[in-house]
Amino acid sequence: MKLNQAMTELNSSRVIQQFGEALLVRHQNGRHELLGGSLGDLIAAREWVSLFAHEIVFTHPGRPERPACRTGWKRVPMSVGI
């Protein structure tokens, strides 16, 4: 099932660049993703994007995404005249 989904996604996507075993693809919804490859391929892809396609922000399925910010934090007022 997972292989069928991956093949369908790859068929509906356009390969932008290849870095070793990794493929940088653009999906129909405009998102970019790096598929496969090693840590070295990930580093090469990030360097290429920073030099030639700086508008691309891509995800890598091997790494969990970090939360955008900590929105649940509240400021504690400082006590005056302790």
PDB file of N, CA and C in Angstrom:
ATOM      1  N   MET A   1       0.823  -1.192   0.000  1.00  0.00           N
ATOM      2  CA  MET A   1       0.000   0.000   0.000  1.00  0.00           C
ATOM      3  C   MET A   1       0.868   1.257   0.000  1.00  0.00           C
ATOM      4  N   LYS A   2       1.898   1.263   0.842  1.00  0.00           N
ATOM      5  CA  LYS A   2       2.765   2.430   0.920  1.00  0.00           C
ATOM      6  C   LYS A   2       3.530   2.636  -0.384  1.00  0.00           C
ATOM      7  N   LEU A   3       3.954   1.545  -1.027  1.00  0.00           N
ATOM      8  CA  LEU A   3       4.664   1.640  -2.293  1.00  0.00           C
ATOM      9  C   LEU A   3       3.756   2.200  -3.386  1.00  0.00           C
ATOM     10  N   ASN A   4       2.497   1.761  -3.413  1.00  0.00           N
ATOM     11  CA  ASN A   4       1.556   2.283  -4.403  1.00  0.00           C
ATOM     12  C   ASN A   4       1.353   3.781  -4.222  1.00  0.00           C
ATOM     13  N   GLN A   5       1.247   4.223  -2.967  1.00  0.00           N
ATOM     14  CA  GLN A   5       1.066   5.639  -2.691  1.00  0.00           C
ATOM     15  C   GLN A   5       2.296   6.434  -3.133  1.00  0.00           C
ATOM     16  N   ALA A   6       3.477   5.901  -2.867  1.00  0.00           N
ATOM     17  CA  ALA A   6       4.711   6.586  -3.251  1.00  0.00           C
ATOM     18  C   ALA A   6       4.833   6.686  -4.768  1.00  0.00           C
ATOM     19  N   MET A   7       4.490   5.624  -5.479  1.00  0.00           N
ATOM     20  CA  MET A   7       4.569   5.655  -6.937  1.00  0.00           C
ATOM     21  C   MET A   7       3.559   6.622  -7.524  1.00  0.00           C
ATOM     22  N   THR A   8       2.363   6.688  -6.940  1.00  0.00           N
ATOM     23  CA  THR A   8       1.346   7.629  -7.411  1.00  0.00           C
ATOM     24  C   THR A   8       1.809   9.054  -7.188  1.00  0.00           C
ATOM     25  N   GLU A   9       2.394   9.320  -6.009  1.00  0.00           N
ATOM     26  CA  GLU A   9       2.902  10.658  -5.730  1.00  0.00           C
ATOM     27  C   GLU A   9       4.035  11.021  -6.679  1.00  0.00           C
ATOM     28  N   LEU A  10       4.931  10.097  -6.955  1.00  0.00           N
ATOM     29  CA  LEU A  10       6.047  10.380  -7.849  1.00  0.00           C
ATOM     30  C   LEU A  10       5.563  10.612  -9.276  1.00  0.00           C
ATOM     31  N   ASN A  11       4.517   9.897  -9.709  1.00  0.00           N
ATOM     32  CA  ASN A  11       3.983  10.093 -11.053  1.00  0.00           C
ATOM     33  C   ASN A  11       3.281  11.433 -11.186  1.00  0.00           C
ATOM     34  N   SER A  12       2.684  11.946 -10.098  1.00  0.00           N
ATOM     35  CA  SER A  12       2.005  13.230 -10.161  1.00  0.00           C
ATOM     36  C   SER A  12       2.943  14.373  -9.796  1.00  0.00           C
ATOM     37  N   SER A  13       4.220  14.095  -9.633  1.00  0.00           N
ATOM     38  CA  SER A  13       5.204  15.101  -9.259  1.00  0.00           C
ATOM     39  C   SER A  13       6.221  15.279 -10.381  1.00  0.00           C
ATOM     40  N   ARG A  14       6.969  16.365 -10.290  1.00  0.00           N
ATOM     41  CA  ARG A  14       8.000  16.647 -11.285  1.00  0.00           C
ATOM     42  C   ARG A  14       9.355  16.644 -10.597  1.00  0.00           C
ATOM     43  N   VAL A  15      10.297  15.898 -11.133  1.00  0.00           N
ATOM     44  CA  VAL A  15      11.637  15.842 -10.562  1.00  0.00           C
ATOM     45  C   VAL A  15      12.377  17.113 -10.956  1.00  0.00           C
ATOM     46  N   ILE A  16      12.867  17.833  -9.947  1.00  0.00           N
ATOM     47  CA  ILE A  16      13.595  19.077 -10.180  1.00  0.00           C
ATOM     48  C   ILE A  16      15.086  18.803 -10.354  1.00  0.00           C
ATOM     49  N   GLN A  17      15.662  17.999  -9.440  1.00  0.00           N
ATOM     50  CA  GLN A  17      17.095  17.736  -9.444  1.00  0.00           C
ATOM     51  C   GLN A  17      17.354  16.416  -8.728  1.00  0.00           C
ATOM     52  N   GLN A  18      18.447  15.772  -9.054  1.00  0.00           N
ATOM     53  CA  GLN A  18      18.841  14.531  -8.390  1.00  0.00           C
ATOM     54  C   GLN A  18      20.177  14.751  -7.702  1.00  0.00           C
ATOM     55  N   PHE A  19      20.271  14.279  -6.443  1.00  0.00           N
ATOM     56  CA  PHE A  19      21.492  14.395  -5.645  1.00  0.00           C
ATOM     57  C   PHE A  19      21.859  12.998  -5.185  1.00  0.00           C
ATOM     58  N   GLY A  20      22.748  12.322  -5.883  1.00  0.00           N
ATOM     59  CA  GLY A  20      23.094  10.945  -5.552  1.00  0.00           C
ATOM     60  C   GLY A  20      21.873  10.051  -5.689  1.00  0.00           C
ATOM     61  N   GLU A  21      21.414   9.483  -4.582  1.00  0.00           N
ATOM     62  CA  GLU A  21      20.217   8.635  -4.590  1.00  0.00           C
ATOM     63  C   GLU A  21      18.956   9.420  -4.264  1.00  0.00           C
ATOM     64  N   ALA A  22      19.072  10.682  -3.926  1.00  0.00           N
ATOM     65  CA  ALA A  22      17.921  11.498  -3.522  1.00  0.00           C
ATOM     66  C   ALA A  22      17.344  12.241  -4.716  1.00  0.00           C
ATOM     67  N   LEU A  23      16.016  12.401  -4.702  1.00  0.00           N
ATOM     68  CA  LEU A  23      15.320  13.156  -5.740  1.00  0.00           C
ATOM     69  C   LEU A  23      14.605  14.335  -5.102  1.00  0.00           C
ATOM     70  N   LEU A  24      14.827  15.533  -5.636  1.00  0.00           N
ATOM     71  CA  LEU A  24      14.080  16.703  -5.217  1.00  0.00           C
ATOM     72  C   LEU A  24      12.908  16.841  -6.170  1.00  0.00           C
ATOM     73  N   VAL A  25      11.685  16.677  -5.658  1.00  0.00           N
ATOM     74  CA  VAL A  25      10.491  16.695  -6.499  1.00  0.00           C
ATOM     75  C   VAL A  25       9.587  17.845  -6.099  1.00  0.00           C
ATOM     76  N   ARG A  26       8.816  18.317  -7.074  1.00  0.00           N
ATOM     77  CA  ARG A  26       7.804  19.346  -6.838  1.00  0.00           C
ATOM     78  C   ARG A  26       6.448  18.703  -7.066  1.00  0.00           C
ATOM     79  N   HIS A  27       5.606  18.730  -6.031  1.00  0.00           N
ATOM     80  CA  HIS A  27       4.276  18.153  -6.128  1.00  0.00           C
ATOM     81  C   HIS A  27       3.332  19.127  -6.818  1.00  0.00           C
ATOM     82  N   GLN A  28       2.182  18.631  -7.222  1.00  0.00           N
ATOM     83  CA  GLN A  28       1.215  19.462  -7.925  1.00  0.00           C
ATOM     84  C   GLN A  28       0.679  20.595  -7.058  1.00  0.00           C
ATOM     85  N   ASN A  29       0.683  20.412  -5.736  1.00  0.00           N
ATOM     86  CA  ASN A  29       0.188  21.468  -4.854  1.00  0.00           C
ATOM     87  C   ASN A  29       1.254  22.536  -4.577  1.00  0.00           C
ATOM     88  N   GLY A  30       2.433  22.425  -5.180  1.00  0.00           N
ATOM     89  CA  GLY A  30       3.477  23.424  -5.042  1.00  0.00           C
ATOM     90  C   GLY A  30       4.525  23.112  -3.985  1.00  0.00           C
ATOM     91  N   ARG A  31       4.317  22.061  -3.211  1.00  0.00           N
ATOM     92  CA  ARG A  31       5.287  21.683  -2.177  1.00  0.00           C
ATOM     93  C   ARG A  31       6.469  20.963  -2.812  1.00  0.00           C
ATOM     94  N   HIS A  32       7.622  21.098  -2.187  1.00  0.00           N
ATOM     95  CA  HIS A  32       8.833  20.407  -2.614  1.00  0.00           C
ATOM     96  C   HIS A  32       9.213  19.398  -1.552  1.00  0.00           C
ATOM     97  N   GLU A  33       9.763  18.269  -1.986  1.00  0.00           N
ATOM     98  CA  GLU A  33      10.141  17.211  -1.054  1.00  0.00           C
ATOM     99  C   GLU A  33      11.383  16.507  -1.578  1.00  0.00           C
ATOM    100  N   LEU A  34      12.252  16.115  -0.653  1.00  0.00           N
ATOM    101  CA  LEU A  34      13.431  15.347  -1.003  1.00  0.00           C
ATOM    102  C   LEU A  34      13.150  13.895  -0.669  1.00  0.00           C
ATOM    103  N   LEU A  35      13.187  13.035  -1.677  1.00  0.00           N
ATOM    104  CA  LEU A  35      12.857  11.625  -1.501  1.00  0.00           C
ATOM    105  C   LEU A  35      14.119  10.776  -1.560  1.00  0.00           C
ATOM    106  N   GLY A  36      14.321   9.941  -0.532  1.00  0.00           N
ATOM    107  CA  GLY A  36      15.440   9.015  -0.507  1.00  0.00           C
ATOM    108  C   GLY A  36      16.756   9.697  -0.218  1.00  0.00           C
ATOM    109  N   GLY A  37      17.815   8.932  -0.395  1.00  0.00           N
ATOM    110  CA  GLY A  37      19.155   9.472  -0.234  1.00  0.00           C
ATOM    111  C   GLY A  37      19.703   9.351   1.170  1.00  0.00           C
ATOM    112  N   SER A  38      20.947   9.734   1.303  1.00  0.00           N
ATOM    113  CA  SER A  38      21.659   9.664   2.570  1.00  0.00           C
ATOM    114  C   SER A  38      21.792  11.065   3.154  1.00  0.00           C
ATOM    115  N   LEU A  39      22.480  11.149   4.278  1.00  0.00           N
ATOM    116  CA  LEU A  39      22.722  12.446   4.906  1.00  0.00           C
ATOM    117  C   LEU A  39      23.559  13.337   3.993  1.00  0.00           C
ATOM    118  N   GLY A  40      24.514  12.753   3.299  1.00  0.00           N
ATOM    119  CA  GLY A  40      25.321  13.525   2.349  1.00  0.00           C
ATOM    120  C   GLY A  40      24.493  14.089   1.206  1.00  0.00           C
ATOM    121  N   ASP A  41      23.511  13.308   0.736  1.00  0.00           N
ATOM    122  CA  ASP A  41      22.624  13.792  -0.318  1.00  0.00           C
ATOM    123  C   ASP A  41      21.754  14.937   0.186  1.00  0.00           C
ATOM    124  N   LEU A  42      21.305  14.846   1.433  1.00  0.00           N
ATOM    125  CA  LEU A  42      20.507  15.913   2.037  1.00  0.00           C
ATOM    126  C   LEU A  42      21.324  17.196   2.130  1.00  0.00           C
ATOM    127  N   ILE A  43      22.570  17.077   2.544  1.00  0.00           N
ATOM    128  CA  ILE A  43      23.442  18.256   2.654  1.00  0.00           C
ATOM    129  C   ILE A  43      23.682  18.868   1.276  1.00  0.00           C
ATOM    130  N   ALA A  44      23.923  18.029   0.282  1.00  0.00           N
ATOM    131  CA  ALA A  44      24.139  18.528  -1.083  1.00  0.00           C
ATOM    132  C   ALA A  44      22.891  19.233  -1.615  1.00  0.00           C
ATOM    133  N   ALA A  45      21.721  18.677  -1.317  1.00  0.00           N
ATOM    134  CA  ALA A  45      20.476  19.290  -1.778  1.00  0.00           C
ATOM    135  C   ALA A  45      20.260  20.648  -1.117  1.00  0.00           C
ATOM    136  N   ARG A  46      20.505  20.736   0.184  1.00  0.00           N
ATOM    137  CA  ARG A  46      20.350  22.022   0.881  1.00  0.00           C
ATOM    138  C   ARG A  46      21.328  23.070   0.346  1.00  0.00           C
ATOM    139  N   GLU A  47      22.542  22.653   0.042  1.00  0.00           N
ATOM    140  CA  GLU A  47      23.525  23.589  -0.502  1.00  0.00           C
ATOM    141  C   GLU A  47      23.110  24.060  -1.892  1.00  0.00           C
ATOM    142  N   TRP A  48      22.647  23.143  -2.732  1.00  0.00           N
ATOM    143  CA  TRP A  48      22.209  23.504  -4.085  1.00  0.00           C
ATOM    144  C   TRP A  48      21.036  24.475  -4.023  1.00  0.00           C
ATOM    145  N   VAL A  49      20.075  24.194  -3.137  1.00  0.00           N
ATOM    146  CA  VAL A  49      18.918  25.076  -3.002  1.00  0.00           C
ATOM    147  C   VAL A  49      19.355  26.460  -2.537  1.00  0.00           C
ATOM    148  N   SER A  50      20.297  26.518  -1.602  1.00  0.00           N
ATOM    149  CA  SER A  50      20.739  27.826  -1.103  1.00  0.00           C
ATOM    150  C   SER A  50      21.456  28.635  -2.186  1.00  0.00           C
ATOM    151  N   LEU A  51      22.098  27.968  -3.137  1.00  0.00           N
ATOM    152  CA  LEU A  51      22.823  28.684  -4.184  1.00  0.00           C
ATOM    153  C   LEU A  51      21.973  29.006  -5.405  1.00  0.00           C
ATOM    154  N   PHE A  52      21.135  28.059  -5.841  1.00  0.00           N
ATOM    155  CA  PHE A  52      20.462  28.209  -7.129  1.00  0.00           C
ATOM    156  C   PHE A  52      18.945  28.353  -7.076  1.00  0.00           C
ATOM    157  N   ALA A  53      18.324  27.929  -6.010  1.00  0.00           N
ATOM    158  CA  ALA A  53      16.858  27.983  -5.935  1.00  0.00           C
ATOM    159  C   ALA A  53      16.441  28.330  -4.516  1.00  0.00           C
ATOM    160  N   HIS A  54      16.856  29.507  -4.045  1.00  0.00           N
ATOM    161  CA  HIS A  54      16.642  29.874  -2.654  1.00  0.00           C
ATOM    162  C   HIS A  54      15.174  30.031  -2.265  1.00  0.00           C
ATOM    163  N   GLU A  55      14.267  30.095  -3.228  1.00  0.00           N
ATOM    164  CA  GLU A  55      12.844  30.198  -2.913  1.00  0.00           C
ATOM    165  C   GLU A  55      12.231  28.848  -2.540  1.00  0.00           C
ATOM    166  N   ILE A  56      12.941  27.755  -2.773  1.00  0.00           N
ATOM    167  CA  ILE A  56      12.441  26.418  -2.462  1.00  0.00           C
ATOM    168  C   ILE A  56      12.667  26.106  -0.988  1.00  0.00           C
ATOM    169  N   VAL A  57      11.591  25.687  -0.332  1.00  0.00           N
ATOM    170  CA  VAL A  57      11.666  25.163   1.032  1.00  0.00           C
ATOM    171  C   VAL A  57      11.147  23.741   0.942  1.00  0.00           C
ATOM    172  N   PHE A  58      11.986  22.751   1.246  1.00  0.00           N
ATOM    173  CA  PHE A  58      11.556  21.374   1.066  1.00  0.00           C
ATOM    174  C   PHE A  58      11.571  20.627   2.383  1.00  0.00           C
ATOM    175  N   THR A  59      10.774  19.568   2.415  1.00  0.00           N
ATOM    176  CA  THR A  59      10.738  18.689   3.572  1.00  0.00           C
ATOM    177  C   THR A  59      11.490  17.416   3.229  1.00  0.00           C
ATOM    178  N   HIS A  60      11.936  16.750   4.258  1.00  0.00           N
ATOM    179  CA  HIS A  60      12.629  15.478   4.091  1.00  0.00           C
ATOM    180  C   HIS A  60      11.916  14.479   4.983  1.00  0.00           C
ATOM    181  N   PRO A  61      11.359  13.399   4.431  1.00  0.00           N
ATOM    182  CA  PRO A  61      10.554  12.480   5.241  1.00  0.00           C
ATOM    183  C   PRO A  61      11.340  11.771   6.331  1.00  0.00           C
ATOM    184  N   GLY A  62      12.654  11.758   6.281  1.00  0.00           N
ATOM    185  CA  GLY A  62      13.450  11.092   7.300  1.00  0.00           C
ATOM    186  C   GLY A  62      13.620  11.910   8.571  1.00  0.00           C
ATOM    187  N   ARG A  63      13.303  13.187   8.518  1.00  0.00           N
ATOM    188  CA  ARG A  63      13.474  14.060   9.673  1.00  0.00           C
ATOM    189  C   ARG A  63      12.117  14.568  10.143  1.00  0.00           C
ATOM    190  N   PRO A  64      11.847  14.536  11.442  1.00  0.00           N
ATOM    191  CA  PRO A  64      10.589  15.112  11.924  1.00  0.00           C
ATOM    192  C   PRO A  64      10.635  16.628  11.821  1.00  0.00           C
ATOM    193  N   GLU A  65       9.499  17.238  11.541  1.00  0.00           N
ATOM    194  CA  GLU A  65       9.438  18.689  11.437  1.00  0.00           C
ATOM    195  C   GLU A  65       9.372  19.299  12.820  1.00  0.00           C
ATOM    196  N   ARG A  66      10.044  20.421  12.988  1.00  0.00           N
ATOM    197  CA  ARG A  66      10.033  21.119  14.262  1.00  0.00           C
ATOM    198  C   ARG A  66       8.792  21.992  14.351  1.00  0.00           C
ATOM    199  N   PRO A  67       8.268  22.197  15.563  1.00  0.00           N
ATOM    200  CA  PRO A  67       7.130  23.105  15.694  1.00  0.00           C
ATOM    201  C   PRO A  67       7.549  24.531  15.346  1.00  0.00           C
ATOM    202  N   ALA A  68       6.616  25.301  14.839  1.00  0.00           N
ATOM    203  CA  ALA A  68       6.921  26.651  14.388  1.00  0.00           C
ATOM    204  C   ALA A  68       7.339  27.557  15.551  1.00  0.00           C
ATOM    205  N   CYS A  69       6.605  27.540  16.628  1.00  0.00           N
ATOM    206  CA  CYS A  69       6.938  28.377  17.772  1.00  0.00           C
ATOM    207  C   CYS A  69       6.226  27.834  19.012  1.00  0.00           C
ATOM    208  N   ARG A  70       6.563  28.379  20.129  1.00  0.00           N
ATOM    209  CA  ARG A  70       5.923  27.973  21.385  1.00  0.00           C
ATOM    210  C   ARG A  70       4.827  28.978  21.711  1.00  0.00           C
ATOM    211  N   THR A  71       3.611  28.665  21.345  1.00  0.00           N
ATOM    212  CA  THR A  71       2.518  29.618  21.518  1.00  0.00           C
ATOM    213  C   THR A  71       1.834  29.502  22.870  1.00  0.00           C
ATOM    214  N   GLY A  72       2.032  28.414  23.582  1.00  0.00           N
ATOM    215  CA  GLY A  72       1.317  28.211  24.832  1.00  0.00           C
ATOM    216  C   GLY A  72       1.978  28.834  26.052  1.00  0.00           C
ATOM    217  N   TRP A  73       3.088  29.508  25.894  1.00  0.00           N
ATOM    218  CA  TRP A  73       3.808  30.059  27.029  1.00  0.00           C
ATOM    219  C   TRP A  73       3.183  31.377  27.456  1.00  0.00           C
ATOM    220  N   LYS A  74       3.124  31.589  28.763  1.00  0.00           N
ATOM    221  CA  LYS A  74       2.602  32.840  29.317  1.00  0.00           C
ATOM    222  C   LYS A  74       3.700  33.506  30.133  1.00  0.00           C
ATOM    223  N   ARG A  75       3.690  34.811  30.134  1.00  0.00           N
ATOM    224  CA  ARG A  75       4.651  35.545  30.938  1.00  0.00           C
ATOM    225  C   ARG A  75       4.175  35.605  32.381  1.00  0.00           C
ATOM    226  N   VAL A  76       5.097  35.441  33.262  1.00  0.00           N
ATOM    227  CA  VAL A  76       4.785  35.553  34.685  1.00  0.00           C
ATOM    228  C   VAL A  76       5.237  36.924  35.133  1.00  0.00           C
ATOM    229  N   PRO A  77       4.301  37.734  35.703  1.00  0.00           N
ATOM    230  CA  PRO A  77       4.695  39.066  36.121  1.00  0.00           C
ATOM    231  C   PRO A  77       5.685  38.995  37.274  1.00  0.00           C
ATOM    232  N   MET A  78       6.642  39.905  37.254  1.00  0.00           N
ATOM    233  CA  MET A  78       7.623  39.953  38.323  1.00  0.00           C
ATOM    234  C   MET A  78       7.031  40.630  39.544  1.00  0.00           C
ATOM    235  N   SER A  79       7.316  40.115  40.703  1.00  0.00           N
ATOM    236  CA  SER A  79       6.824  40.703  41.936  1.00  0.00           C
ATOM    237  C   SER A  79       7.674  41.918  42.293  1.00  0.00           C
ATOM    238  N   VAL A  80       6.984  42.960  42.715  1.00  0.00           N
ATOM    239  CA  VAL A  80       7.680  44.181  43.084  1.00  0.00           C
ATOM    240  C   VAL A  80       7.608  44.316  44.610  1.00  0.00           C
ATOM    241  N   GLY A  81       8.697  44.626  45.227  1.00  0.00           N
ATOM    242  CA  GLY A  81       8.747  44.853  46.684  1.00  0.00           C
ATOM    243  C   GLY A  81       8.721  43.578  47.492  1.00  0.00           C
ATOM    244  N   ILE A  82       9.541  42.635  47.118  1.00  0.00           N
ATOM    245  CA  ILE A  82       9.597  41.391  47.878  1.00  0.00           C
ATOM    246  C   ILE A  82      10.337  41.590  49.160  1.00  0.00           C
TER     247      ILE A  82
END
